[in-house]
PDB file of N, CA and C in Angstrom:
ATOM      1  N   MET A   1     148.516 102.847 109.884  1.00  0.00           N
ATOM      2  CA  MET A   1     148.242 104.273 109.838  1.00  0.00           C
ATOM      3  C   MET A   1     149.531 104.996 109.442  1.00  0.00           C
ATOM      4  N   LYS A   2     149.459 105.842 108.433  1.00  0.00           N
ATOM      5  CA  LYS A   2     150.623 106.571 107.958  1.00  0.00           C
ATOM      6  C   LYS A   2     150.662 107.953 108.612  1.00  0.00           C
ATOM      7  N   TYR A   3     151.805 108.257 109.195  1.00  0.00           N
ATOM      8  CA  TYR A   3     151.961 109.542 109.858  1.00  0.00           C
ATOM      9  C   TYR A   3     152.496 110.566 108.867  1.00  0.00           C
ATOM     10  N   ASN A   4     152.145 111.797 109.087  1.00  0.00           N
ATOM     11  CA  ASN A   4     152.592 112.883 108.221  1.00  0.00           C
ATOM     12  C   ASN A   4     154.034 113.238 108.579  1.00  0.00           C
ATOM     13  N   LYS A   5     154.943 113.102 107.622  1.00  0.00           N
ATOM     14  CA  LYS A   5     156.355 113.363 107.880  1.00  0.00           C
ATOM     15  C   LYS A   5     156.632 114.834 108.136  1.00  0.00           C
ATOM     16  N   ASN A   6     155.772 115.711 107.631  1.00  0.00           N
ATOM     17  CA  ASN A   6     155.964 117.140 107.872  1.00  0.00           C
ATOM     18  C   ASN A   6     155.839 117.473 109.354  1.00  0.00           C
ATOM     19  N   VAL A   7     154.977 116.780 110.055  1.00  0.00           N
ATOM     20  CA  VAL A   7     154.824 117.003 111.493  1.00  0.00           C
ATOM     21  C   VAL A   7     156.120 116.642 112.210  1.00  0.00           C
ATOM     22  N   TYR A   8     156.716 115.521 111.837  1.00  0.00           N
ATOM     23  CA  TYR A   8     157.971 115.108 112.465  1.00  0.00           C
ATOM     24  C   TYR A   8     159.107 116.067 112.124  1.00  0.00           C
ATOM     25  N   ARG A   9     159.108 116.553 110.892  1.00  0.00           N
ATOM     26  CA  ARG A   9     160.137 117.531 110.514  1.00  0.00           C
ATOM     27  C   ARG A   9     159.977 118.822 111.320  1.00  0.00           C
ATOM     28  N   ALA A  10     158.743 119.264 111.516  1.00  0.00           N
ATOM     29  CA  ALA A  10     158.500 120.472 112.300  1.00  0.00           C
ATOM     30  C   ALA A  10     158.929 120.275 113.753  1.00  0.00           C
ATOM     31  N   LEU A  11     158.621 119.114 114.320  1.00  0.00           N
ATOM     32  CA  LEU A  11     159.051 118.832 115.693  1.00  0.00           C
ATOM     33  C   LEU A  11     160.567 118.786 115.794  1.00  0.00           C
ATOM     34  N   MET A  12     161.211 118.241 114.771  1.00  0.00           N
ATOM     35  CA  MET A  12     162.668 118.184 114.760  1.00  0.00           C
ATOM     36  C   MET A  12     163.257 119.592 114.720  1.00  0.00           C
ATOM     37  N   MET A  13     162.680 120.476 113.908  1.00  0.00           N
ATOM     38  CA  MET A  13     163.179 121.850 113.837  1.00  0.00           C
ATOM     39  C   MET A  13     162.979 122.586 115.164  1.00  0.00           C
ATOM     40  N   ILE A  14     161.828 122.390 115.785  1.00  0.00           N
ATOM     41  CA  ILE A  14     161.574 123.024 117.079  1.00  0.00           C
ATOM     42  C   ILE A  14     162.575 122.527 118.115  1.00  0.00           C
ATOM     43  N   SER A  15     162.860 121.230 118.095  1.00  0.00           N
ATOM     44  CA  SER A  15     163.841 120.667 119.024  1.00  0.00           C
ATOM     45  C   SER A  15     165.224 121.251 118.768  1.00  0.00           C
ATOM     46  N   GLN A  16     165.588 121.417 117.502  1.00  0.00           N
ATOM     47  CA  GLN A  16     166.890 121.997 117.183  1.00  0.00           C
ATOM     48  C   GLN A  16     166.987 123.438 117.656  1.00  0.00           C
ATOM     49  N   PHE A  17     165.904 124.199 117.535  1.00  0.00           N
ATOM     50  CA  PHE A  17     165.909 125.566 118.055  1.00  0.00           C
ATOM     51  C   PHE A  17     166.179 125.555 119.559  1.00  0.00           C
ATOM     52  N   GLY A  18     165.498 124.682 120.286  1.00  0.00           N
ATOM     53  CA  GLY A  18     165.690 124.607 121.730  1.00  0.00           C
ATOM     54  C   GLY A  18     167.093 124.186 122.115  1.00  0.00           C
ATOM     55  N   ILE A  19     167.613 123.185 121.438  1.00  0.00           N
ATOM     56  CA  ILE A  19     168.964 122.711 121.734  1.00  0.00           C
ATOM     57  C   ILE A  19     169.985 123.791 121.413  1.00  0.00           C
ATOM     58  N   ASN A  20     169.816 124.448 120.253  1.00  0.00           N
ATOM     59  CA  ASN A  20     170.750 125.512 119.864  1.00  0.00           C
ATOM     60  C   ASN A  20     170.745 126.671 120.853  1.00  0.00           C
ATOM     61  N   MET A  21     169.648 126.874 121.542  1.00  0.00           N
ATOM     62  CA  MET A  21     169.573 127.965 122.513  1.00  0.00           C
ATOM     63  C   MET A  21     170.070 127.543 123.896  1.00  0.00           C
ATOM     64  N   LEU A  22     169.688 126.345 124.333  1.00  0.00           N
ATOM     65  CA  LEU A  22     169.954 125.958 125.717  1.00  0.00           C
ATOM     66  C   LEU A  22     171.371 125.440 125.978  1.00  0.00           C
ATOM     67  N   VAL A  23     171.952 124.742 125.033  1.00  0.00           N
ATOM     68  CA  VAL A  23     173.273 124.151 125.269  1.00  0.00           C
ATOM     69  C   VAL A  23     174.333 125.217 125.575  1.00  0.00           C
ATOM     70  N   PRO A  24     174.461 126.295 124.788  1.00  0.00           N
ATOM     71  CA  PRO A  24     175.463 127.303 125.150  1.00  0.00           C
ATOM     72  C   PRO A  24     175.197 127.965 126.505  1.00  0.00           C
ATOM     73  N   ILE A  25     173.924 128.144 126.842  1.00  0.00           N
ATOM     74  CA  ILE A  25     173.611 128.754 128.135  1.00  0.00           C
ATOM     75  C   ILE A  25     174.071 127.848 129.266  1.00  0.00           C
ATOM     76  N   PHE A  26     173.761 126.543 129.177  1.00  0.00           N
ATOM     77  CA  PHE A  26     174.168 125.627 130.236  1.00  0.00           C
ATOM     78  C   PHE A  26     175.683 125.502 130.329  1.00  0.00           C
ATOM     79  N   ILE A  27     176.349 125.381 129.205  1.00  0.00           N
ATOM     80  CA  ILE A  27     177.810 125.233 129.235  1.00  0.00           C
ATOM     81  C   ILE A  27     178.462 126.466 129.839  1.00  0.00           C
ATOM     82  N   CYS A  28     178.046 127.646 129.410  1.00  0.00           N
ATOM     83  CA  CYS A  28     178.632 128.874 129.940  1.00  0.00           C
ATOM     84  C   CYS A  28     178.277 129.075 131.414  1.00  0.00           C
ATOM     85  N   SER A  29     177.067 128.726 131.801  1.00  0.00           N
ATOM     86  CA  SER A  29     176.677 128.875 133.210  1.00  0.00           C
ATOM     87  C   SER A  29     177.494 127.955 134.107  1.00  0.00           C
ATOM     88  N   PHE A  30     177.665 126.706 133.679  1.00  0.00           N
ATOM     89  CA  PHE A  30     178.466 125.779 134.485  1.00  0.00           C
ATOM     90  C   PHE A  30     179.929 126.200 134.523  1.00  0.00           C
ATOM     91  N   ALA A  31     180.440 126.716 133.420  1.00  0.00           N
ATOM     92  CA  ALA A  31     181.817 127.225 133.419  1.00  0.00           C
ATOM     93  C   ALA A  31     181.929 128.414 134.373  1.00  0.00           C
ATOM     94  N   GLY A  32     180.916 129.280 134.387  1.00  0.00           N
ATOM     95  CA  GLY A  32     180.923 130.417 135.304  1.00  0.00           C
ATOM     96  C   GLY A  32     180.867 129.989 136.760  1.00  0.00           C
ATOM     97  N   MET A  33     180.053 128.970 137.063  1.00  0.00           N
ATOM     98  CA  MET A  33     180.008 128.468 138.447  1.00  0.00           C
ATOM     99  C   MET A  33     181.350 127.872 138.845  1.00  0.00           C
ATOM    100  N   PHE A  34     181.994 127.160 137.917  1.00  0.00           N
ATOM    101  CA  PHE A  34     183.316 126.590 138.189  1.00  0.00           C
ATOM    102  C   PHE A  34     184.326 127.697 138.480  1.00  0.00           C
ATOM    103  N   LEU A  35     184.339 128.734 137.649  1.00  0.00           N
ATOM    104  CA  LEU A  35     185.280 129.835 137.856  1.00  0.00           C
ATOM    105  C   LEU A  35     184.993 130.584 139.154  1.00  0.00           C
ATOM    106  N   ASP A  36     183.712 130.766 139.474  1.00  0.00           N
ATOM    107  CA  ASP A  36     183.371 131.432 140.735  1.00  0.00           C
ATOM    108  C   ASP A  36     183.876 130.640 141.933  1.00  0.00           C
ATOM    109  N   ARG A  37     183.738 129.328 141.906  1.00  0.00           N
ATOM    110  CA  ARG A  37     184.229 128.496 143.016  1.00  0.00           C
ATOM    111  C   ARG A  37     185.751 128.508 143.076  1.00  0.00           C
ATOM    112  N   LYS A  38     186.387 128.437 141.908  1.00  0.00           N
ATOM    113  CA  LYS A  38     187.850 128.361 141.862  1.00  0.00           C
ATOM    114  C   LYS A  38     188.501 129.659 142.347  1.00  0.00           C
ATOM    115  N   PHE A  39     187.956 130.801 141.929  1.00  0.00           N
ATOM    116  CA  PHE A  39     188.567 132.088 142.261  1.00  0.00           C
ATOM    117  C   PHE A  39     187.888 132.806 143.422  1.00  0.00           C
ATOM    118  N   GLY A  40     186.807 132.255 143.953  1.00  0.00           N
ATOM    119  CA  GLY A  40     186.116 132.877 145.078  1.00  0.00           C
ATOM    120  C   GLY A  40     185.381 134.157 144.691  1.00  0.00           C
ATOM    121  N   THR A  41     184.944 134.239 143.453  1.00  0.00           N
ATOM    122  CA  THR A  41     184.220 135.422 142.989  1.00  0.00           C
ATOM    123  C   THR A  41     182.731 135.109 142.917  1.00  0.00           C
ATOM    124  N   SER A  42     181.944 136.111 142.534  1.00  0.00           N
ATOM    125  CA  SER A  42     180.509 135.874 142.446  1.00  0.00           C
ATOM    126  C   SER A  42     179.888 136.483 141.181  1.00  0.00           C
ATOM    127  N   TYR A  43     180.696 136.780 140.171  1.00  0.00           N
ATOM    128  CA  TYR A  43     180.146 137.434 138.988  1.00  0.00           C
ATOM    129  C   TYR A  43     180.345 136.653 137.693  1.00  0.00           C
ATOM    130  N   TRP A  44     181.239 135.673 137.666  1.00  0.00           N
ATOM    131  CA  TRP A  44     181.503 134.955 136.421  1.00  0.00           C
ATOM    132  C   TRP A  44     180.282 134.198 135.906  1.00  0.00           C
ATOM    133  N   MET A  45     179.508 133.656 136.809  1.00  0.00           N
ATOM    134  CA  MET A  45     178.332 132.898 136.381  1.00  0.00           C
ATOM    135  C   MET A  45     177.357 133.797 135.640  1.00  0.00           C
ATOM    136  N   VAL A  46     177.140 134.995 136.145  1.00  0.00           N
ATOM    137  CA  VAL A  46     176.211 135.930 135.520  1.00  0.00           C
ATOM    138  C   VAL A  46     176.757 136.390 134.168  1.00  0.00           C
ATOM    139  N   VAL A  47     178.037 136.734 134.121  1.00  0.00           N
ATOM    140  CA  VAL A  47     178.654 137.206 132.884  1.00  0.00           C
ATOM    141  C   VAL A  47     178.595 136.118 131.818  1.00  0.00           C
ATOM    142  N   LEU A  48     178.980 134.902 132.182  1.00  0.00           N
ATOM    143  CA  LEU A  48     179.006 133.822 131.205  1.00  0.00           C
ATOM    144  C   LEU A  48     177.603 133.339 130.848  1.00  0.00           C
ATOM    145  N   PHE A  49     176.629 133.494 131.758  1.00  0.00           N
ATOM    146  CA  PHE A  49     175.248 133.181 131.408  1.00  0.00           C
ATOM    147  C   PHE A  49     174.788 134.056 130.244  1.00  0.00           C
ATOM    148  N   PHE A  50     175.047 135.360 130.344  1.00  0.00           N
ATOM    149  CA  PHE A  50     174.632 136.258 129.265  1.00  0.00           C
ATOM    150  C   PHE A  50     175.438 136.013 127.993  1.00  0.00           C
ATOM    151  N   ALA A  51     176.708 135.650 128.132  1.00  0.00           N
ATOM    152  CA  ALA A  51     177.502 135.297 126.950  1.00  0.00           C
ATOM    153  C   ALA A  51     176.915 134.053 126.285  1.00  0.00           C
ATOM    154  N   GLY A  52     176.492 133.069 127.073  1.00  0.00           N
ATOM    155  CA  GLY A  52     175.862 131.864 126.529  1.00  0.00           C
ATOM    156  C   GLY A  52     174.525 132.171 125.878  1.00  0.00           C
ATOM    157  N   ALA A  53     173.761 133.075 126.484  1.00  0.00           N
ATOM    158  CA  ALA A  53     172.477 133.461 125.887  1.00  0.00           C
ATOM    159  C   ALA A  53     172.696 134.162 124.547  1.00  0.00           C
ATOM    160  N   LEU A  54     173.706 134.997 124.465  1.00  0.00           N
ATOM    161  CA  LEU A  54     174.031 135.667 123.204  1.00  0.00           C
ATOM    162  C   LEU A  54     174.487 134.646 122.153  1.00  0.00           C
ATOM    163  N   ALA A  55     175.315 133.697 122.567  1.00  0.00           N
ATOM    164  CA  ALA A  55     175.755 132.656 121.639  1.00  0.00           C
ATOM    165  C   ALA A  55     174.574 131.808 121.170  1.00  0.00           C
ATOM    166  N   GLY A  56     173.691 131.463 122.085  1.00  0.00           N
ATOM    167  CA  GLY A  56     172.505 130.696 121.715  1.00  0.00           C
ATOM    168  C   GLY A  56     171.610 131.453 120.754  1.00  0.00           C
ATOM    169  N   LEU A  57     171.457 132.733 120.991  1.00  0.00           N
ATOM    170  CA  LEU A  57     170.636 133.552 120.103  1.00  0.00           C
ATOM    171  C   LEU A  57     171.240 133.601 118.703  1.00  0.00           C
ATOM    172  N   THR A  58     172.548 133.752 118.611  1.00  0.00           N
ATOM    173  CA  THR A  58     173.171 133.770 117.287  1.00  0.00           C
ATOM    174  C   THR A  58     173.031 132.412 116.599  1.00  0.00           C
ATOM    175  N   ASN A  59     173.126 131.313 117.365  1.00  0.00           N
ATOM    176  CA  ASN A  59     172.912 129.985 116.773  1.00  0.00           C
ATOM    177  C   ASN A  59     171.501 129.856 116.214  1.00  0.00           C
ATOM    178  N   VAL A  60     170.517 130.296 116.970  1.00  0.00           N
ATOM    179  CA  VAL A  60     169.122 130.204 116.538  1.00  0.00           C
ATOM    180  C   VAL A  60     168.890 131.080 115.309  1.00  0.00           C
ATOM    181  N   LEU A  61     169.449 132.273 115.296  1.00  0.00           N
ATOM    182  CA  LEU A  61     169.275 133.163 114.148  1.00  0.00           C
ATOM    183  C   LEU A  61     169.930 132.585 112.895  1.00  0.00           C
ATOM    184  N   ARG A  62     171.109 131.992 113.040  1.00  0.00           N
ATOM    185  CA  ARG A  62     171.761 131.353 111.887  1.00  0.00           C
ATOM    186  C   ARG A  62     170.937 130.197 111.354  1.00  0.00           C
ATOM    187  N   PHE A  63     170.411 129.392 112.276  1.00  0.00           N
ATOM    188  CA  PHE A  63     169.594 128.247 111.876  1.00  0.00           C
ATOM    189  C   PHE A  63     168.323 128.716 111.173  1.00  0.00           C
ATOM    190  N   ALA A  64     167.683 129.736 111.724  1.00  0.00           N
ATOM    191  CA  ALA A  64     166.453 130.261 111.118  1.00  0.00           C
ATOM    192  C   ALA A  64     166.748 130.871 109.748  1.00  0.00           C
ATOM    193  N   ARG A  65     167.856 131.582 109.631  1.00  0.00           N
ATOM    194  CA  ARG A  65     168.201 132.182 108.347  1.00  0.00           C
ATOM    195  C   ARG A  65     168.458 131.095 107.307  1.00  0.00           C
ATOM    196  N   LYS A  66     169.114 130.018 107.717  1.00  0.00           N
ATOM    197  CA  LYS A  66     169.375 128.920 106.790  1.00  0.00           C
ATOM    198  C   LYS A  66     168.068 128.290 106.317  1.00  0.00           C
ATOM    199  N   ILE A  67     167.110 128.162 107.206  1.00  0.00           N
ATOM    200  CA  ILE A  67     165.815 127.580 106.840  1.00  0.00           C
ATOM    201  C   ILE A  67     165.062 128.505 105.896  1.00  0.00           C
ATOM    202  N   TYR A  68     165.000 129.794 106.222  1.00  0.00           N
ATOM    203  CA  TYR A  68     164.176 130.713 105.442  1.00  0.00           C
ATOM    204  C   TYR A  68     164.858 131.209 104.174  1.00  0.00           C
ATOM    205  N   ASP A  69     166.182 131.077 104.079  1.00  0.00           N
ATOM    206  CA  ASP A  69     166.852 131.440 102.837  1.00  0.00           C
ATOM    207  C   ASP A  69     166.611 130.416 101.742  1.00  0.00           C
ATOM    208  N   THR A  70     166.334 129.180 102.136  1.00  0.00           N
ATOM    209  CA  THR A  70     166.039 128.140 101.161  1.00  0.00           C
ATOM    210  C   THR A  70     164.592 128.317 100.704  1.00  0.00           C
ATOM    211  N   PRO A  71     164.363 128.526  99.417  1.00  0.00           N
ATOM    212  CA  PRO A  71     162.982 128.696  98.950  1.00  0.00           C
ATOM    213  C   PRO A  71     162.129 127.469  99.250  1.00  0.00           C
ATOM    214  N   ALA A  72     160.849 127.699  99.469  1.00  0.00           N
ATOM    215  CA  ALA A  72     159.934 126.622  99.851  1.00  0.00           C
ATOM    216  C   ALA A  72     159.849 125.545  98.774  1.00  0.00           C
ATOM    217  N   GLN A  73     159.882 125.935  97.510  1.00  0.00           N
ATOM    218  CA  GLN A  73     159.766 124.942  96.443  1.00  0.00           C
ATOM    219  C   GLN A  73     160.960 123.998  96.435  1.00  0.00           C
ATOM    220  N   SER A  74     162.167 124.535  96.640  1.00  0.00           N
ATOM    221  CA  SER A  74     163.328 123.644  96.638  1.00  0.00           C
ATOM    222  C   SER A  74     163.330 122.753  97.875  1.00  0.00           C
ATOM    223  N   ARG A  75     162.762 123.251  99.001  1.00  0.00           N
ATOM    224  CA  ARG A  75     162.638 122.395 100.181  1.00  0.00           C
ATOM    225  C   ARG A  75     161.680 121.249  99.893  1.00  0.00           C
ATOM    226  N   ARG A  76     160.569 121.557  99.194  1.00  0.00           N
ATOM    227  CA  ARG A  76     159.606 120.502  98.861  1.00  0.00           C
ATOM    228  C   ARG A  76     160.227 119.477  97.923  1.00  0.00           C
ATOM    229  N   ARG A  77     160.983 119.974  96.918  1.00  0.00           N
ATOM    230  CA  ARG A  77     161.630 119.042  95.987  1.00  0.00           C
ATOM    231  C   ARG A  77     162.630 118.156  96.715  1.00  0.00           C
ATOM    232  N   ALA A  78     163.398 118.748  97.623  1.00  0.00           N
ATOM    233  CA  ALA A  78     164.374 117.962  98.382  1.00  0.00           C
ATOM    234  C   ALA A  78     163.668 116.945  99.273  1.00  0.00           C
ATOM    235  N   ALA A  79     162.545 117.336  99.862  1.00  0.00           N
ATOM    236  CA  ALA A  79     161.796 116.407 100.712  1.00  0.00           C
ATOM    237  C   ALA A  79     161.234 115.259  99.884  1.00  0.00           C
ATOM    238  N   LYS A  80     160.740 115.575  98.680  1.00  0.00           N
ATOM    239  CA  LYS A  80     160.211 114.510  97.819  1.00  0.00           C
ATOM    240  C   LYS A  80     161.318 113.564  97.397  1.00  0.00           C
ATOM    241  N   ARG A  81     162.479 114.125  97.058  1.00  0.00           N
ATOM    242  CA  ARG A  81     163.604 113.260  96.679  1.00  0.00           C
ATOM    243  C   ARG A  81     164.006 112.364  97.838  1.00  0.00           C
ATOM    244  N   GLN A  82     164.054 112.942  99.041  1.00  0.00           N
ATOM    245  CA  GLN A  82     164.429 112.164 100.215  1.00  0.00           C
ATOM    246  C   GLN A  82     163.383 111.091 100.509  1.00  0.00           C
ATOM    247  N   ASP A  83     162.110 111.426 100.388  1.00  0.00           N
ATOM    248  CA  ASP A  83     161.043 110.450 100.605  1.00  0.00           C
ATOM    249  C   ASP A  83     161.147 109.318  99.595  1.00  0.00           C
ATOM    250  N   GLY A  84     161.473 109.644  98.360  1.00  0.00           N
ATOM    251  CA  GLY A  84     161.623 108.633  97.332  1.00  0.00           C
ATOM    252  C   GLY A  84     162.766 107.682  97.638  1.00  0.00           C
ATOM    253  N   ARG A  85     163.862 108.219  98.136  1.00  0.00           N
ATOM    254  CA  ARG A  85     164.998 107.367  98.514  1.00  0.00           C
ATOM    255  C   ARG A  85     164.647 106.472  99.687  1.00  0.00           C
ATOM    256  N   GLU A  86     163.903 107.042 100.646  1.00  0.00           N
ATOM    257  CA  GLU A  86     163.519 106.249 101.808  1.00  0.00           C
ATOM    258  C   GLU A  86     162.585 105.102 101.389  1.00  0.00           C
ATOM    259  N   ASP A  87     161.689 105.365 100.415  1.00  0.00           N
ATOM    260  CA  ASP A  87     160.773 104.324  99.945  1.00  0.00           C
ATOM    261  C   ASP A  87     161.545 103.208  99.253  1.00  0.00           C
ATOM    262  N   GLU A  88     162.607 103.546  98.518  1.00  0.00           N
ATOM    263  CA  GLU A  88     163.389 102.536  97.832  1.00  0.00           C
ATOM    264  C   GLU A  88     164.153 101.657  98.821  1.00  0.00           C
ATOM    265  N   LYS A  89     164.640 102.280  99.893  1.00  0.00           N
ATOM    266  CA  LYS A  89     165.396 101.531 100.906  1.00  0.00           C
ATOM    267  C   LYS A  89     164.497 100.615 101.706  1.00  0.00           C
ATOM    268  N   GLY A  90     163.312 101.115 102.081  1.00  0.00           N
ATOM    269  CA  GLY A  90     162.436 100.401 103.005  1.00  0.00           C
ATOM    270  C   GLY A  90     161.474  99.609 102.290  1.00  0.00           C
TER     271      GLY A  90
END
């Protein structure tokens, strides 16, 4: 049974959106918790959480802009070229 590669590409893009959003939030939140424990404060986690959310949002917007700036026809041509190379290898 042959699977549709477009489905896998779509799942990969959705995963990249999630990773691009969540990683900065987690890193900044953990850094904020570390700073709060080190300095005995209670606001760094909240501040850095929002900074991470802003960074994640900019990552997602850049990724989306890169996808949508590429015309659909050139994406199809690139996918066909890539599929052709994969067929030659495998």
